[in-house]
């Protein structure tokens, strides 16, 4: 497994609509493993392939709740060619952040529950219904596969303010 570089806004790769994975093979499994290592090291709870410069429809998650002393407990999930097949009318707000927009957090409204079909790490067809944090993360990472960032769900004014603050923080960080 290899830790990869995480691409940051405004990299064009983050705005690219990704291509389906043609075949789940050793190369794709190695990519998923690299993505998990990168996500854990960041640290984060989700990572989509375009965030490491790969425009394939693949993302990884781990939203396992860890008690004190359970930092090593891992429950990774790999979603290859995911499709959200249903979303509830009920919505919820979660404060979201993104490894490609570091140190930026905003409340985003999304459907409370979703159903997603996908291929797992072994190429097996799967379907789950998710709610809470898992549903939010699935939708957040799924958006990445279509070139959509969580800030795109904010009002224009809030998005502009947020991105201006991010840009200013990045300039300050780079000048150090």
C-alpha atoms as a PDB file:
ATOM      1  CA  UNK A   1       0.000   0.000   0.000  1.00  0.00           C
ATOM      2  CA  UNK A   2       1.145   3.492  -0.841  1.00  0.00           C
ATOM      3  CA  UNK A   3       0.051   6.781   0.648  1.00  0.00           C
ATOM      4  CA  UNK A   4      -0.859   9.102  -2.226  1.00  0.00           C
ATOM      5  CA  UNK A   5      -0.962  12.884  -2.573  1.00  0.00           C
ATOM      6  CA  UNK A   6      -4.400  14.414  -2.009  1.00  0.00           C
ATOM      7  CA  UNK A   7      -5.284  16.980  -4.655  1.00  0.00           C
ATOM      8  CA  UNK A   8      -6.575  20.311  -3.374  1.00  0.00           C
ATOM      9  CA  UNK A   9      -9.034  22.836  -4.771  1.00  0.00           C
ATOM     10  CA  UNK A  10      -8.787  24.276  -7.436  1.00  0.00           C
ATOM     11  CA  UNK A  11      -7.209  21.223  -9.160  1.00  0.00           C
ATOM     12  CA  UNK A  12      -9.193  20.419 -12.340  1.00  0.00           C
ATOM     13  CA  UNK A  13      -9.274  16.704 -11.490  1.00  0.00           C
ATOM     14  CA  UNK A  14     -11.737  17.505  -8.689  1.00  0.00           C
ATOM     15  CA  UNK A  15     -14.208  18.876 -11.240  1.00  0.00           C
ATOM     16  CA  UNK A  16     -13.977  15.922 -13.650  1.00  0.00           C
ATOM     17  CA  UNK A  17     -16.814  13.437 -14.177  1.00  0.00           C
ATOM     18  CA  UNK A  18     -15.250  10.037 -13.579  1.00  0.00           C
ATOM     19  CA  UNK A  19     -15.303   6.989 -15.844  1.00  0.00           C
ATOM     20  CA  UNK A  20     -16.709   3.637 -14.680  1.00  0.00           C
ATOM     21  CA  UNK A  21     -14.249   0.973 -13.586  1.00  0.00           C
ATOM     22  CA  UNK A  22     -14.175  -1.547 -16.456  1.00  0.00           C
ATOM     23  CA  UNK A  23     -13.033  -4.519 -14.372  1.00  0.00           C
ATOM     24  CA  UNK A  24     -12.368  -5.142 -10.702  1.00  0.00           C
ATOM     25  CA  UNK A  25      -8.854  -6.568 -10.821  1.00  0.00           C
ATOM     26  CA  UNK A  26      -5.622  -6.457  -8.804  1.00  0.00           C
ATOM     27  CA  UNK A  27      -4.862  -2.938 -10.061  1.00  0.00           C
ATOM     28  CA  UNK A  28      -8.232  -1.636  -8.793  1.00  0.00           C
ATOM     29  CA  UNK A  29      -7.841  -3.462  -5.474  1.00  0.00           C
ATOM     30  CA  UNK A  30      -4.358  -1.931  -5.071  1.00  0.00           C
ATOM     31  CA  UNK A  31      -5.841   1.504  -5.850  1.00  0.00           C
ATOM     32  CA  UNK A  32      -8.534   0.958  -3.195  1.00  0.00           C
ATOM     33  CA  UNK A  33      -5.853  -0.101  -0.679  1.00  0.00           C
ATOM     34  CA  UNK A  34      -3.776   3.002  -1.482  1.00  0.00           C
ATOM     35  CA  UNK A  35      -6.869   5.167  -1.061  1.00  0.00           C
ATOM     36  CA  UNK A  36      -7.622   3.635   2.345  1.00  0.00           C
ATOM     37  CA  UNK A  37      -4.041   4.162   3.510  1.00  0.00           C
ATOM     38  CA  UNK A  38      -4.168   7.780   2.263  1.00  0.00           C
ATOM     39  CA  UNK A  39      -7.553   8.383   3.930  1.00  0.00           C
ATOM     40  CA  UNK A  40      -6.452   6.956   7.302  1.00  0.00           C
ATOM     41  CA  UNK A  41      -3.186   8.939   7.217  1.00  0.00           C
ATOM     42  CA  UNK A  42      -4.924  12.243   6.399  1.00  0.00           C
ATOM     43  CA  UNK A  43      -6.920  11.504   8.710  1.00  0.00           C
ATOM     44  CA  UNK A  44     -10.347  11.287   7.103  1.00  0.00           C
ATOM     45  CA  UNK A  45     -13.452   9.104   6.906  1.00  0.00           C
ATOM     46  CA  UNK A  46     -13.880   9.084   3.124  1.00  0.00           C
ATOM     47  CA  UNK A  47     -11.847   9.520  -0.048  1.00  0.00           C
ATOM     48  CA  UNK A  48     -12.831   9.443  -3.726  1.00  0.00           C
ATOM     49  CA  UNK A  49     -10.470   8.465  -6.545  1.00  0.00           C
ATOM     50  CA  UNK A  50     -10.400  11.944  -8.171  1.00  0.00           C
ATOM     51  CA  UNK A  51      -9.020  13.313  -4.895  1.00  0.00           C
ATOM     52  CA  UNK A  52      -5.798  11.434  -5.672  1.00  0.00           C
ATOM     53  CA  UNK A  53      -5.895  12.256  -9.388  1.00  0.00           C
ATOM     54  CA  UNK A  54      -7.604   9.081 -10.646  1.00  0.00           C
ATOM     55  CA  UNK A  55     -10.796   9.716 -12.617  1.00  0.00           C
ATOM     56  CA  UNK A  56     -12.456   6.359 -11.889  1.00  0.00           C
ATOM     57  CA  UNK A  57     -15.812   5.775 -10.181  1.00  0.00           C
ATOM     58  CA  UNK A  58     -14.447   4.503  -6.887  1.00  0.00           C
ATOM     59  CA  UNK A  59     -14.495   5.721  -3.302  1.00  0.00           C
ATOM     60  CA  UNK A  60     -13.628   4.382   0.135  1.00  0.00           C
ATOM     61  CA  UNK A  61     -15.129   5.060   3.564  1.00  0.00           C
ATOM     62  CA  UNK A  62     -14.694   4.151   7.185  1.00  0.00           C
ATOM     63  CA  UNK A  63     -17.261   5.691   9.513  1.00  0.00           C
ATOM     64  CA  UNK A  64     -16.836   3.152  12.333  1.00  0.00           C
ATOM     65  CA  UNK A  65     -17.387   4.655  15.742  1.00  0.00           C
ATOM     66  CA  UNK A  66     -14.276   4.165  17.809  1.00  0.00           C
ATOM     67  CA  UNK A  67     -14.203   4.205  21.589  1.00  0.00           C
ATOM     68  CA  UNK A  68     -11.155   5.453  23.488  1.00  0.00           C
ATOM     69  CA  UNK A  69      -8.343   2.966  22.982  1.00  0.00           C
ATOM     70  CA  UNK A  70      -9.852   1.578  19.761  1.00  0.00           C
ATOM     71  CA  UNK A  71      -7.916   3.789  17.350  1.00  0.00           C
ATOM     72  CA  UNK A  72      -6.809   0.665  15.449  1.00  0.00           C
ATOM     73  CA  UNK A  73     -10.396  -0.548  14.921  1.00  0.00           C
ATOM     74  CA  UNK A  74     -11.093  -0.263  11.209  1.00  0.00           C
ATOM     75  CA  UNK A  75     -14.212  -1.029   9.167  1.00  0.00           C
ATOM     76  CA  UNK A  76     -13.237   0.017   5.627  1.00  0.00           C
ATOM     77  CA  UNK A  77     -15.807   0.027   2.833  1.00  0.00           C
ATOM     78  CA  UNK A  78     -14.953   0.109  -0.877  1.00  0.00           C
ATOM     79  CA  UNK A  79     -17.539   1.352  -3.406  1.00  0.00           C
ATOM     80  CA  UNK A  80     -16.777   0.655  -7.074  1.00  0.00           C
ATOM     81  CA  UNK A  81     -19.145   2.024  -9.763  1.00  0.00           C
ATOM     82  CA  UNK A  82     -21.686   3.112  -7.119  1.00  0.00           C
ATOM     83  CA  UNK A  83     -25.204   4.197  -8.049  1.00  0.00           C
ATOM     84  CA  UNK A  84     -27.546   5.926  -5.646  1.00  0.00           C
ATOM     85  CA  UNK A  85     -30.829   4.208  -6.504  1.00  0.00           C
ATOM     86  CA  UNK A  86     -33.065   5.917  -3.945  1.00  0.00           C
ATOM     87  CA  UNK A  87     -32.967   8.903  -1.609  1.00  0.00           C
ATOM     88  CA  UNK A  88     -35.458   9.841   1.101  1.00  0.00           C
ATOM     89  CA  UNK A  89     -37.501  13.002   0.926  1.00  0.00           C
ATOM     90  CA  UNK A  90     -36.552  13.702   4.550  1.00  0.00           C
ATOM     91  CA  UNK A  91     -33.325  15.632   4.861  1.00  0.00           C
ATOM     92  CA  UNK A  92     -30.763  16.233   7.571  1.00  0.00           C
ATOM     93  CA  UNK A  93     -27.878  18.603   8.143  1.00  0.00           C
ATOM     94  CA  UNK A  94     -24.334  17.487   8.858  1.00  0.00           C
ATOM     95  CA  UNK A  95     -21.238  19.583   9.229  1.00  0.00           C
ATOM     96  CA  UNK A  96     -19.091  18.410   6.339  1.00  0.00           C
ATOM     97  CA  UNK A  97     -15.440  18.875   5.555  1.00  0.00           C
ATOM     98  CA  UNK A  98     -13.261  17.597   2.738  1.00  0.00           C
ATOM     99  CA  UNK A  99      -9.654  16.461   2.489  1.00  0.00           C
ATOM    100  CA  UNK A 100      -9.412  18.456  -0.761  1.00  0.00           C
ATOM    101  CA  UNK A 101     -10.538  21.656   1.006  1.00  0.00           C
ATOM    102  CA  UNK A 102      -8.643  21.388   4.307  1.00  0.00           C
ATOM    103  CA  UNK A 103      -9.840  23.181   7.429  1.00  0.00           C
ATOM    104  CA  UNK A 104     -13.195  24.160   5.878  1.00  0.00           C
ATOM    105  CA  UNK A 105     -16.385  22.902   7.527  1.00  0.00           C
ATOM    106  CA  UNK A 106     -19.962  23.865   6.692  1.00  0.00           C
ATOM    107  CA  UNK A 107     -23.454  22.528   7.394  1.00  0.00           C
ATOM    108  CA  UNK A 108     -24.833  20.766   4.317  1.00  0.00           C
ATOM    109  CA  UNK A 109     -28.399  19.541   3.834  1.00  0.00           C
ATOM    110  CA  UNK A 110     -28.772  16.175   2.113  1.00  0.00           C
ATOM    111  CA  UNK A 111     -31.315  13.342   2.004  1.00  0.00           C
ATOM    112  CA  UNK A 112     -31.404  11.591   5.380  1.00  0.00           C
ATOM    113  CA  UNK A 113     -31.331   8.079   3.891  1.00  0.00           C
ATOM    114  CA  UNK A 114     -30.055   6.601   0.630  1.00  0.00           C
ATOM    115  CA  UNK A 115     -29.872   3.232  -1.070  1.00  0.00           C
ATOM    116  CA  UNK A 116     -26.745   2.538  -3.091  1.00  0.00           C
ATOM    117  CA  UNK A 117     -25.740  -0.347  -5.321  1.00  0.00           C
ATOM    118  CA  UNK A 118     -22.040  -0.930  -6.000  1.00  0.00           C
ATOM    119  CA  UNK A 119     -19.308  -3.468  -6.510  1.00  0.00           C
ATOM    120  CA  UNK A 120     -17.159  -4.283  -3.501  1.00  0.00           C
ATOM    121  CA  UNK A 121     -13.396  -4.819  -3.433  1.00  0.00           C
ATOM    122  CA  UNK A 122     -13.872  -8.339  -4.829  1.00  0.00           C
ATOM    123  CA  UNK A 123     -16.202  -7.255  -7.632  1.00  0.00           C
ATOM    124  CA  UNK A 124     -19.286  -8.644  -5.872  1.00  0.00           C
ATOM    125  CA  UNK A 125     -22.563  -6.771  -6.469  1.00  0.00           C
ATOM    126  CA  UNK A 126     -23.844  -5.209  -3.260  1.00  0.00           C
ATOM    127  CA  UNK A 127     -26.648  -2.926  -2.144  1.00  0.00           C
ATOM    128  CA  UNK A 128     -27.084  -1.144   1.163  1.00  0.00           C
ATOM    129  CA  UNK A 129     -29.498   1.334   2.639  1.00  0.00           C
ATOM    130  CA  UNK A 130     -27.752   3.898   4.786  1.00  0.00           C
ATOM    131  CA  UNK A 131     -28.732   6.689   7.148  1.00  0.00           C
ATOM    132  CA  UNK A 132     -26.949   9.124   9.427  1.00  0.00           C
ATOM    133  CA  UNK A 133     -23.243   9.728   8.933  1.00  0.00           C
ATOM    134  CA  UNK A 134     -22.864   6.799   6.507  1.00  0.00           C
ATOM    135  CA  UNK A 135     -25.574   8.212   4.198  1.00  0.00           C
ATOM    136  CA  UNK A 136     -23.968  11.660   4.311  1.00  0.00           C
ATOM    137  CA  UNK A 137     -20.507  10.261   3.526  1.00  0.00           C
ATOM    138  CA  UNK A 138     -21.789   8.129   0.660  1.00  0.00           C
ATOM    139  CA  UNK A 139     -23.457  11.184  -0.901  1.00  0.00           C
ATOM    140  CA  UNK A 140     -20.402  13.384  -0.307  1.00  0.00           C
ATOM    141  CA  UNK A 141     -17.991  10.905  -1.929  1.00  0.00           C
ATOM    142  CA  UNK A 142     -20.480  10.048  -4.696  1.00  0.00           C
ATOM    143  CA  UNK A 143     -20.616  13.756  -5.582  1.00  0.00           C
ATOM    144  CA  UNK A 144     -16.825  13.720  -6.079  1.00  0.00           C
ATOM    145  CA  UNK A 145     -17.294  11.137  -8.863  1.00  0.00           C
ATOM    146  CA  UNK A 146     -19.366  13.716 -10.755  1.00  0.00           C
ATOM    147  CA  UNK A 147     -17.009  16.634 -10.101  1.00  0.00           C
ATOM    148  CA  UNK A 148     -19.201  18.112  -7.350  1.00  0.00           C
ATOM    149  CA  UNK A 149     -17.776  19.430  -4.066  1.00  0.00           C
ATOM    150  CA  UNK A 150     -19.671  19.807  -0.799  1.00  0.00           C
ATOM    151  CA  UNK A 151     -19.393  23.613  -1.054  1.00  0.00           C
ATOM    152  CA  UNK A 152     -21.501  23.399  -4.233  1.00  0.00           C
ATOM    153  CA  UNK A 153     -24.459  22.572  -1.949  1.00  0.00           C
ATOM    154  CA  UNK A 154     -24.135  25.932  -0.157  1.00  0.00           C
ATOM    155  CA  UNK A 155     -25.851  29.145  -1.195  1.00  0.00           C
ATOM    156  CA  UNK A 156     -23.816  31.173  -3.686  1.00  0.00           C
ATOM    157  CA  UNK A 157     -23.007  33.816  -1.076  1.00  0.00           C
ATOM    158  CA  UNK A 158     -21.945  31.297   1.580  1.00  0.00           C
ATOM    159  CA  UNK A 159     -19.890  29.322  -0.980  1.00  0.00           C
ATOM    160  CA  UNK A 160     -18.071  32.483  -2.129  1.00  0.00           C
ATOM    161  CA  UNK A 161     -17.334  33.511   1.473  1.00  0.00           C
ATOM    162  CA  UNK A 162     -16.154  30.021   2.370  1.00  0.00           C
ATOM    163  CA  UNK A 163     -13.874  29.694  -0.656  1.00  0.00           C
ATOM    164  CA  UNK A 164     -12.450  33.192  -0.127  1.00  0.00           C
ATOM    165  CA  UNK A 165     -11.614  32.271   3.493  1.00  0.00           C
ATOM    166  CA  UNK A 166     -10.052  28.974   2.291  1.00  0.00           C
ATOM    167  CA  UNK A 167      -8.026  30.749  -0.390  1.00  0.00           C
ATOM    168  CA  UNK A 168      -6.726  33.290   2.115  1.00  0.00           C
ATOM    169  CA  UNK A 169      -5.765  30.525   4.588  1.00  0.00           C
ATOM    170  CA  UNK A 170      -3.944  28.567   1.838  1.00  0.00           C
ATOM    171  CA  UNK A 171      -1.975  31.676   0.780  1.00  0.00           C
ATOM    172  CA  UNK A 172      -0.982  32.283   4.405  1.00  0.00           C
ATOM    173  CA  UNK A 173       0.024  28.619   4.842  1.00  0.00           C
ATOM    174  CA  UNK A 174       2.103  28.672   1.618  1.00  0.00           C
ATOM    175  CA  UNK A 175       3.910  31.872   2.595  1.00  0.00           C
ATOM    176  CA  UNK A 176       5.174  30.318   5.851  1.00  0.00           C
END
